[in-house]
């Protein structure tokens, strides 16, 4: 595997930008990210909305799987399953995100994502996403924003 990597969410990832997830690093062995949770992430009871947890899991795993698949010559990946467990409540403050491949085959990847609260070292959520590796992008994904090679690298 190559040692190439990239950092930060591209401007074309509008959902990642809205979520406020900050990528620390993406490489072929994993993804590190952080998110500072606040009122925009809360449901009416003042804790993080379940969709935020799922979005963090999906985003971190997608960056890792996409980067790894494209570094091997694939066109990209598409998520086919997201399973996220909410383990502890969280209202505000820093969350640390680590994503690692559990299986990175030629046709499918499975990535696990762990979300921890560094203030007390507690695991607050975990999830996994299964991806189909694509030989070519579907026509509806063939846009100017679709990456043609791993972000941060040259073709």
N, C-alpha and C. Protein backbone atom coordinates (compact mmCIF):
# COMPACT_ATOMS: atom_id res chain seq x y z
N UNK A 1 0.83 -1.19 0.00
CA UNK A 1 0.00 0.00 0.00
C UNK A 1 0.87 1.24 0.00
N UNK A 2 0.38 2.27 -0.65
CA UNK A 2 1.14 3.51 -0.68
C UNK A 2 0.93 4.28 0.61
N UNK A 3 1.78 5.24 0.84
CA UNK A 3 1.69 6.05 2.05
C UNK A 3 0.95 7.36 1.81
N UNK A 4 0.30 7.51 0.64
CA UNK A 4 -0.39 8.76 0.35
C UNK A 4 -1.58 8.93 1.29
N UNK A 5 -1.92 10.18 1.55
CA UNK A 5 -3.06 10.49 2.40
C UNK A 5 -3.55 11.89 2.07
N UNK A 6 -4.66 12.28 2.68
CA UNK A 6 -5.13 13.65 2.54
C UNK A 6 -5.81 14.07 3.83
N UNK A 7 -6.00 15.36 3.97
CA UNK A 7 -6.67 15.91 5.13
C UNK A 7 -7.71 16.91 4.68
N UNK A 8 -8.73 17.08 5.45
CA UNK A 8 -9.83 18.03 5.30
C UNK A 8 -10.92 17.53 4.36
N UNK A 9 -12.11 18.02 4.62
CA UNK A 9 -13.29 17.70 3.82
C UNK A 9 -13.30 18.63 2.61
N UNK A 10 -13.41 18.09 1.40
CA UNK A 10 -13.42 18.97 0.22
C UNK A 10 -14.66 19.86 0.20
N UNK A 11 -14.55 21.00 -0.45
CA UNK A 11 -15.68 21.93 -0.56
C UNK A 11 -16.88 21.28 -1.24
N UNK A 12 -16.64 20.30 -2.11
CA UNK A 12 -17.74 19.66 -2.83
C UNK A 12 -18.57 18.73 -1.94
N UNK A 13 -18.07 18.41 -0.73
CA UNK A 13 -18.82 17.56 0.21
C UNK A 13 -19.66 18.46 1.10
N UNK A 14 -20.82 18.86 0.59
CA UNK A 14 -21.67 19.80 1.30
C UNK A 14 -22.19 19.24 2.61
N UNK A 15 -22.52 17.94 2.66
CA UNK A 15 -23.03 17.35 3.89
C UNK A 15 -21.93 17.30 4.95
N UNK A 16 -20.73 16.87 4.56
CA UNK A 16 -19.61 16.84 5.51
C UNK A 16 -19.29 18.22 6.05
N UNK A 17 -19.37 19.23 5.18
CA UNK A 17 -19.14 20.61 5.61
C UNK A 17 -20.23 21.03 6.61
N UNK A 18 -21.49 20.74 6.30
CA UNK A 18 -22.61 21.11 7.18
C UNK A 18 -22.51 20.41 8.53
N UNK A 19 -22.14 19.15 8.50
CA UNK A 19 -22.00 18.37 9.73
C UNK A 19 -20.92 18.96 10.63
N UNK A 20 -19.87 19.50 10.03
CA UNK A 20 -18.79 20.08 10.82
C UNK A 20 -17.71 19.08 11.18
N UNK A 21 -17.68 17.96 10.47
CA UNK A 21 -16.66 16.95 10.72
C UNK A 21 -15.33 17.45 10.17
N UNK A 22 -14.30 17.40 11.00
CA UNK A 22 -12.96 17.81 10.58
C UNK A 22 -12.11 16.56 10.41
N UNK A 23 -11.65 16.34 9.20
CA UNK A 23 -10.78 15.20 8.92
C UNK A 23 -9.38 15.53 9.42
N UNK A 24 -8.82 14.66 10.22
CA UNK A 24 -7.45 14.81 10.68
C UNK A 24 -6.53 14.13 9.68
N UNK A 25 -6.90 12.90 9.27
CA UNK A 25 -6.11 12.19 8.27
C UNK A 25 -6.93 11.07 7.65
N UNK A 26 -6.70 10.84 6.37
CA UNK A 26 -7.25 9.70 5.65
C UNK A 26 -6.09 9.04 4.94
N UNK A 27 -5.95 7.74 5.14
CA UNK A 27 -4.97 6.98 4.37
C UNK A 27 -5.52 5.58 4.18
N UNK A 28 -4.73 4.71 3.60
CA UNK A 28 -5.24 3.38 3.25
C UNK A 28 -5.50 2.49 4.46
N UNK A 29 -5.01 2.88 5.62
CA UNK A 29 -5.25 2.04 6.80
C UNK A 29 -6.30 2.62 7.74
N UNK A 30 -6.79 3.82 7.45
CA UNK A 30 -7.84 4.33 8.30
C UNK A 30 -8.09 5.82 8.16
N UNK A 31 -9.02 6.28 8.97
CA UNK A 31 -9.45 7.68 8.98
C UNK A 31 -9.47 8.15 10.43
N UNK A 32 -8.94 9.34 10.66
CA UNK A 32 -9.06 10.01 11.95
C UNK A 32 -9.79 11.33 11.71
N UNK A 33 -10.75 11.63 12.56
CA UNK A 33 -11.52 12.86 12.41
C UNK A 33 -11.98 13.33 13.79
N UNK A 34 -12.44 14.56 13.85
CA UNK A 34 -13.00 15.11 15.08
C UNK A 34 -14.26 15.90 14.72
N UNK A 35 -15.14 16.02 15.69
CA UNK A 35 -16.34 16.84 15.54
C UNK A 35 -16.61 17.50 16.88
N UNK A 36 -16.85 18.80 16.86
CA UNK A 36 -17.26 19.50 18.07
C UNK A 36 -18.77 19.62 18.03
N UNK A 37 -19.42 18.81 18.84
CA UNK A 37 -20.89 18.76 18.86
C UNK A 37 -21.44 19.98 19.58
N UNK A 38 -22.58 20.43 19.10
CA UNK A 38 -23.24 21.59 19.70
C UNK A 38 -24.72 21.59 19.41
N UNK A 39 -25.39 22.71 19.64
CA UNK A 39 -26.84 22.78 19.48
C UNK A 39 -27.35 22.35 18.10
N UNK A 40 -26.61 22.62 17.03
CA UNK A 40 -27.11 22.25 15.69
C UNK A 40 -27.18 20.74 15.49
N UNK A 41 -26.53 19.97 16.36
CA UNK A 41 -26.52 18.51 16.26
C UNK A 41 -27.55 17.85 17.19
N UNK A 42 -28.24 18.64 18.01
CA UNK A 42 -29.11 18.08 19.05
C UNK A 42 -30.55 17.89 18.59
N UNK A 43 -31.15 16.83 19.16
CA UNK A 43 -32.60 16.65 19.00
C UNK A 43 -33.28 17.42 20.13
N UNK A 44 -34.61 17.49 20.18
CA UNK A 44 -35.30 18.33 21.17
C UNK A 44 -34.98 18.03 22.64
N UNK A 45 -34.49 16.84 22.95
CA UNK A 45 -34.17 16.51 24.35
C UNK A 45 -32.76 16.97 24.73
N UNK A 46 -32.06 17.64 23.81
CA UNK A 46 -30.76 18.22 24.12
C UNK A 46 -29.57 17.28 23.97
N UNK A 47 -29.78 16.11 23.37
CA UNK A 47 -28.67 15.19 23.10
C UNK A 47 -28.52 15.03 21.59
N UNK A 48 -27.38 14.49 21.17
CA UNK A 48 -27.14 14.34 19.74
C UNK A 48 -28.23 13.50 19.08
N UNK A 49 -28.69 13.96 17.95
CA UNK A 49 -29.68 13.27 17.14
C UNK A 49 -29.05 11.99 16.58
N UNK A 50 -29.81 10.92 16.51
CA UNK A 50 -29.30 9.66 15.98
C UNK A 50 -28.76 9.78 14.57
N UNK A 51 -29.33 10.65 13.78
CA UNK A 51 -28.85 10.86 12.42
C UNK A 51 -27.45 11.44 12.38
N UNK A 52 -27.07 12.19 13.42
CA UNK A 52 -25.71 12.73 13.48
C UNK A 52 -24.72 11.59 13.66
N UNK A 53 -25.03 10.66 14.59
CA UNK A 53 -24.15 9.50 14.79
C UNK A 53 -24.00 8.73 13.49
N UNK A 54 -25.12 8.45 12.83
CA UNK A 54 -25.08 7.70 11.56
C UNK A 54 -24.30 8.46 10.49
N UNK A 55 -24.45 9.78 10.46
CA UNK A 55 -23.73 10.59 9.48
C UNK A 55 -22.23 10.58 9.73
N UNK A 56 -21.83 10.64 10.99
CA UNK A 56 -20.40 10.57 11.31
C UNK A 56 -19.84 9.23 10.84
N UNK A 57 -20.54 8.15 11.16
CA UNK A 57 -20.09 6.80 10.78
C UNK A 57 -20.00 6.70 9.26
N UNK A 58 -21.05 7.10 8.57
CA UNK A 58 -21.08 7.00 7.10
C UNK A 58 -19.98 7.84 6.45
N UNK A 59 -19.80 9.05 6.95
CA UNK A 59 -18.81 9.95 6.34
C UNK A 59 -17.39 9.44 6.54
N UNK A 60 -17.04 9.08 7.76
CA UNK A 60 -15.67 8.60 8.04
C UNK A 60 -15.38 7.32 7.26
N UNK A 61 -16.31 6.37 7.30
CA UNK A 61 -16.10 5.10 6.58
C UNK A 61 -16.03 5.31 5.08
N UNK A 62 -16.85 6.21 4.55
CA UNK A 62 -16.87 6.47 3.10
C UNK A 62 -15.55 7.07 2.62
N UNK A 63 -15.01 8.00 3.39
CA UNK A 63 -13.71 8.56 3.00
C UNK A 63 -12.63 7.49 2.99
N UNK A 64 -12.62 6.64 4.00
CA UNK A 64 -11.61 5.59 4.04
C UNK A 64 -11.77 4.57 2.93
N UNK A 65 -12.98 4.06 2.75
CA UNK A 65 -13.22 3.05 1.73
C UNK A 65 -12.99 3.60 0.33
N UNK A 66 -13.45 4.83 0.09
CA UNK A 66 -13.25 5.45 -1.22
C UNK A 66 -11.78 5.67 -1.51
N UNK A 67 -11.05 6.17 -0.53
CA UNK A 67 -9.62 6.41 -0.72
C UNK A 67 -8.90 5.10 -1.02
N UNK A 68 -9.18 4.07 -0.23
CA UNK A 68 -8.50 2.79 -0.42
C UNK A 68 -8.86 2.17 -1.78
N UNK A 69 -10.14 2.16 -2.13
CA UNK A 69 -10.56 1.56 -3.40
C UNK A 69 -9.96 2.30 -4.59
N UNK A 70 -9.97 3.63 -4.55
CA UNK A 70 -9.43 4.39 -5.67
C UNK A 70 -7.91 4.26 -5.76
N UNK A 71 -7.25 4.07 -4.61
CA UNK A 71 -5.80 3.88 -4.66
C UNK A 71 -5.44 2.54 -5.31
N UNK A 72 -6.41 1.63 -5.36
CA UNK A 72 -6.22 0.33 -6.01
C UNK A 72 -6.75 0.31 -7.44
N UNK A 73 -7.18 1.46 -7.94
CA UNK A 73 -7.62 1.55 -9.33
C UNK A 73 -9.12 1.51 -9.55
N UNK A 74 -9.93 1.38 -8.50
CA UNK A 74 -11.38 1.38 -8.66
C UNK A 74 -11.88 2.80 -8.91
N UNK A 75 -13.09 2.91 -9.42
CA UNK A 75 -13.70 4.22 -9.68
C UNK A 75 -14.22 4.85 -8.40
N UNK A 76 -14.59 4.04 -7.42
CA UNK A 76 -15.13 4.55 -6.18
C UNK A 76 -15.86 3.45 -5.43
N UNK A 77 -16.66 3.84 -4.48
CA UNK A 77 -17.46 2.90 -3.69
C UNK A 77 -18.86 3.47 -3.51
N UNK A 78 -19.78 2.60 -3.16
CA UNK A 78 -21.11 3.03 -2.77
C UNK A 78 -21.51 2.24 -1.54
N UNK A 79 -22.01 2.95 -0.53
CA UNK A 79 -22.44 2.29 0.70
C UNK A 79 -23.72 1.51 0.46
N UNK A 80 -23.77 0.29 1.00
CA UNK A 80 -24.98 -0.52 0.86
C UNK A 80 -25.61 -0.88 2.20
N UNK A 81 -24.89 -0.61 3.30
CA UNK A 81 -25.45 -0.89 4.62
C UNK A 81 -24.72 -0.04 5.66
N UNK A 82 -25.48 0.59 6.55
CA UNK A 82 -24.92 1.36 7.66
C UNK A 82 -25.62 0.90 8.92
N UNK A 83 -24.85 0.37 9.84
CA UNK A 83 -25.40 -0.08 11.12
C UNK A 83 -24.67 0.67 12.22
N UNK A 84 -25.41 1.50 12.97
CA UNK A 84 -24.80 2.36 13.98
C UNK A 84 -25.46 2.11 15.33
N UNK A 85 -24.62 1.96 16.37
CA UNK A 85 -25.09 1.77 17.74
C UNK A 85 -24.79 3.02 18.54
N UNK A 86 -25.80 3.54 19.25
CA UNK A 86 -25.65 4.68 20.14
C UNK A 86 -25.42 4.11 21.54
N UNK A 87 -24.24 4.27 22.09
CA UNK A 87 -23.88 3.63 23.35
C UNK A 87 -24.08 4.54 24.56
N UNK A 88 -23.80 5.82 24.40
CA UNK A 88 -23.93 6.80 25.48
C UNK A 88 -24.48 8.09 24.89
N UNK A 89 -25.17 8.86 25.71
CA UNK A 89 -25.65 10.15 25.23
C UNK A 89 -24.50 11.15 25.25
N UNK A 90 -24.65 12.18 24.45
CA UNK A 90 -23.66 13.26 24.38
C UNK A 90 -24.39 14.51 23.95
N UNK A 91 -24.08 15.63 24.57
CA UNK A 91 -24.76 16.89 24.24
C UNK A 91 -23.87 17.87 23.50
N UNK A 92 -22.72 18.16 24.08
CA UNK A 92 -21.82 19.15 23.50
C UNK A 92 -20.38 18.75 23.75
N UNK A 93 -19.51 19.23 22.87
CA UNK A 93 -18.08 19.03 23.09
C UNK A 93 -17.45 18.12 22.06
N UNK A 94 -16.16 17.95 22.21
CA UNK A 94 -15.34 17.24 21.24
C UNK A 94 -15.63 15.74 21.20
N UNK A 95 -15.68 15.22 19.98
CA UNK A 95 -15.76 13.78 19.73
C UNK A 95 -14.61 13.40 18.82
N UNK A 96 -13.99 12.26 19.10
CA UNK A 96 -12.91 11.74 18.25
C UNK A 96 -13.42 10.53 17.49
N UNK A 97 -13.07 10.46 16.21
CA UNK A 97 -13.58 9.44 15.30
C UNK A 97 -12.41 8.67 14.71
N UNK A 98 -12.48 7.34 14.78
CA UNK A 98 -11.47 6.48 14.16
C UNK A 98 -12.19 5.44 13.31
N UNK A 99 -11.81 5.34 12.05
CA UNK A 99 -12.40 4.36 11.14
C UNK A 99 -11.30 3.45 10.61
N UNK A 100 -11.57 2.16 10.58
CA UNK A 100 -10.59 1.17 10.11
C UNK A 100 -11.30 0.12 9.25
N UNK A 101 -10.60 -0.38 8.24
CA UNK A 101 -11.21 -1.46 7.45
C UNK A 101 -11.18 -2.78 8.22
N UNK A 102 -12.33 -3.45 8.27
CA UNK A 102 -12.39 -4.81 8.80
C UNK A 102 -12.16 -5.81 7.69
N UNK A 103 -12.62 -5.45 6.49
CA UNK A 103 -12.43 -6.27 5.29
C UNK A 103 -12.30 -5.31 4.11
N UNK A 104 -11.26 -5.48 3.33
CA UNK A 104 -11.04 -4.61 2.16
C UNK A 104 -10.74 -5.49 0.96
N UNK A 105 -11.80 -6.13 0.46
CA UNK A 105 -11.65 -7.03 -0.67
C UNK A 105 -11.72 -6.31 -2.00
N UNK A 106 -11.65 -7.10 -3.05
CA UNK A 106 -11.67 -6.56 -4.40
C UNK A 106 -13.05 -5.98 -4.75
N UNK A 107 -14.11 -6.57 -4.23
CA UNK A 107 -15.48 -6.14 -4.58
C UNK A 107 -16.25 -5.50 -3.43
N UNK A 108 -15.87 -5.80 -2.19
CA UNK A 108 -16.58 -5.22 -1.04
C UNK A 108 -15.61 -4.83 0.06
N UNK A 109 -15.99 -3.77 0.77
CA UNK A 109 -15.27 -3.36 1.97
C UNK A 109 -16.26 -3.31 3.12
N UNK A 110 -15.77 -3.59 4.33
CA UNK A 110 -16.53 -3.36 5.56
C UNK A 110 -15.62 -2.53 6.47
N UNK A 111 -16.13 -1.38 6.88
CA UNK A 111 -15.36 -0.48 7.74
C UNK A 111 -16.06 -0.32 9.08
N UNK A 112 -15.27 -0.31 10.15
CA UNK A 112 -15.78 -0.06 11.50
C UNK A 112 -15.38 1.35 11.92
N UNK A 113 -16.29 2.03 12.59
CA UNK A 113 -16.03 3.39 13.06
C UNK A 113 -16.32 3.45 14.56
N UNK A 114 -15.37 3.97 15.31
CA UNK A 114 -15.51 4.16 16.76
C UNK A 114 -15.52 5.66 17.05
N UNK A 115 -16.50 6.10 17.85
CA UNK A 115 -16.63 7.51 18.21
C UNK A 115 -16.48 7.61 19.73
N UNK A 116 -15.47 8.35 20.16
CA UNK A 116 -15.16 8.46 21.59
C UNK A 116 -15.24 9.91 22.05
N UNK A 117 -15.47 10.04 23.35
CA UNK A 117 -15.49 11.36 23.98
C UNK A 117 -14.19 11.49 24.76
N UNK A 118 -13.26 12.33 24.31
CA UNK A 118 -11.96 12.41 24.98
C UNK A 118 -12.02 12.99 26.38
N UNK A 119 -13.06 13.73 26.73
CA UNK A 119 -13.14 14.33 28.06
C UNK A 119 -13.18 13.28 29.17
N UNK A 120 -13.73 12.10 28.86
CA UNK A 120 -13.75 11.03 29.87
C UNK A 120 -13.29 9.68 29.30
N UNK A 121 -12.87 9.67 28.02
CA UNK A 121 -12.35 8.44 27.42
C UNK A 121 -13.40 7.39 27.10
N UNK A 122 -14.67 7.77 27.07
CA UNK A 122 -15.76 6.83 26.88
C UNK A 122 -16.09 6.67 25.40
N UNK A 123 -16.33 5.41 24.99
CA UNK A 123 -16.84 5.12 23.66
C UNK A 123 -18.33 5.46 23.67
N UNK A 124 -18.75 6.40 22.81
CA UNK A 124 -20.15 6.85 22.83
C UNK A 124 -20.99 6.28 21.70
N UNK A 125 -20.33 5.86 20.62
CA UNK A 125 -21.06 5.24 19.51
C UNK A 125 -20.08 4.42 18.68
N UNK A 126 -20.62 3.44 17.97
CA UNK A 126 -19.81 2.63 17.05
C UNK A 126 -20.71 2.25 15.90
N UNK A 127 -20.08 2.00 14.78
CA UNK A 127 -20.87 1.59 13.63
C UNK A 127 -20.01 0.90 12.61
N UNK A 128 -20.67 0.35 11.62
CA UNK A 128 -19.95 -0.23 10.49
C UNK A 128 -20.75 0.00 9.23
N UNK A 129 -20.00 0.13 8.13
CA UNK A 129 -20.61 0.37 6.83
C UNK A 129 -20.02 -0.64 5.85
N UNK A 130 -20.91 -1.24 5.06
CA UNK A 130 -20.48 -2.16 4.00
C UNK A 130 -20.58 -1.40 2.68
N UNK A 131 -19.55 -1.56 1.86
CA UNK A 131 -19.46 -0.85 0.58
C UNK A 131 -19.31 -1.83 -0.56
N UNK A 132 -19.89 -1.48 -1.70
CA UNK A 132 -19.63 -2.16 -2.95
C UNK A 132 -18.57 -1.35 -3.68
N UNK A 133 -17.51 -2.01 -4.14
CA UNK A 133 -16.46 -1.34 -4.90
C UNK A 133 -16.89 -1.27 -6.36
N UNK A 134 -16.77 -0.09 -6.96
CA UNK A 134 -17.26 0.15 -8.32
C UNK A 134 -16.13 0.19 -9.34
N UNK A 135 -16.33 -0.49 -10.45
CA UNK A 135 -15.39 -0.41 -11.56
C UNK A 135 -15.57 0.88 -12.33
N UNK A 136 -16.80 1.36 -12.38
CA UNK A 136 -17.09 2.65 -13.02
C UNK A 136 -18.23 3.29 -12.27
N UNK A 137 -18.26 4.61 -12.31
CA UNK A 137 -19.33 5.33 -11.63
C UNK A 137 -20.60 5.28 -12.45
N UNK A 138 -21.75 5.13 -11.80
CA UNK A 138 -23.02 5.23 -12.53
C UNK A 138 -23.10 6.61 -13.18
N UNK A 139 -23.84 6.70 -14.25
CA UNK A 139 -23.95 7.95 -15.01
C UNK A 139 -24.38 9.10 -14.12
N UNK A 140 -25.31 8.85 -13.18
CA UNK A 140 -25.78 9.95 -12.34
C UNK A 140 -24.74 10.42 -11.34
N UNK A 141 -23.65 9.68 -11.16
CA UNK A 141 -22.56 10.13 -10.28
C UNK A 141 -21.40 10.71 -11.09
N UNK A 142 -21.53 10.73 -12.40
CA UNK A 142 -20.45 11.23 -13.25
C UNK A 142 -20.59 12.75 -13.37
N UNK A 143 -20.28 13.45 -12.29
CA UNK A 143 -20.41 14.90 -12.27
C UNK A 143 -19.03 15.52 -12.13
N UNK A 144 -18.99 16.84 -12.19
CA UNK A 144 -17.72 17.53 -12.03
C UNK A 144 -17.16 17.36 -10.63
N UNK A 145 -18.00 17.03 -9.66
CA UNK A 145 -17.55 16.84 -8.28
C UNK A 145 -17.05 15.43 -8.00
N UNK A 146 -17.31 14.48 -8.88
CA UNK A 146 -16.90 13.09 -8.64
C UNK A 146 -15.39 12.97 -8.76
N UNK A 147 -14.74 12.42 -7.71
CA UNK A 147 -13.28 12.28 -7.78
C UNK A 147 -12.88 11.26 -8.83
N UNK A 148 -11.79 11.49 -9.50
CA UNK A 148 -11.28 10.59 -10.52
C UNK A 148 -10.06 9.84 -10.00
N UNK A 149 -9.60 10.20 -8.82
CA UNK A 149 -8.44 9.57 -8.19
C UNK A 149 -8.53 9.91 -6.70
N UNK A 150 -7.77 9.24 -5.85
CA UNK A 150 -7.86 9.56 -4.42
C UNK A 150 -7.62 11.05 -4.17
N UNK A 151 -8.48 11.69 -3.36
CA UNK A 151 -8.29 13.11 -3.08
C UNK A 151 -6.88 13.38 -2.56
N UNK A 152 -6.33 14.49 -3.00
CA UNK A 152 -5.01 14.89 -2.55
C UNK A 152 -3.87 14.25 -3.31
N UNK A 153 -4.18 13.40 -4.30
CA UNK A 153 -3.13 12.78 -5.10
C UNK A 153 -3.33 13.17 -6.55
N UNK A 154 -2.33 12.95 -7.35
CA UNK A 154 -2.46 13.23 -8.78
C UNK A 154 -2.70 11.93 -9.52
N UNK A 155 -3.44 11.99 -10.62
CA UNK A 155 -3.76 10.75 -11.36
C UNK A 155 -2.53 10.12 -12.00
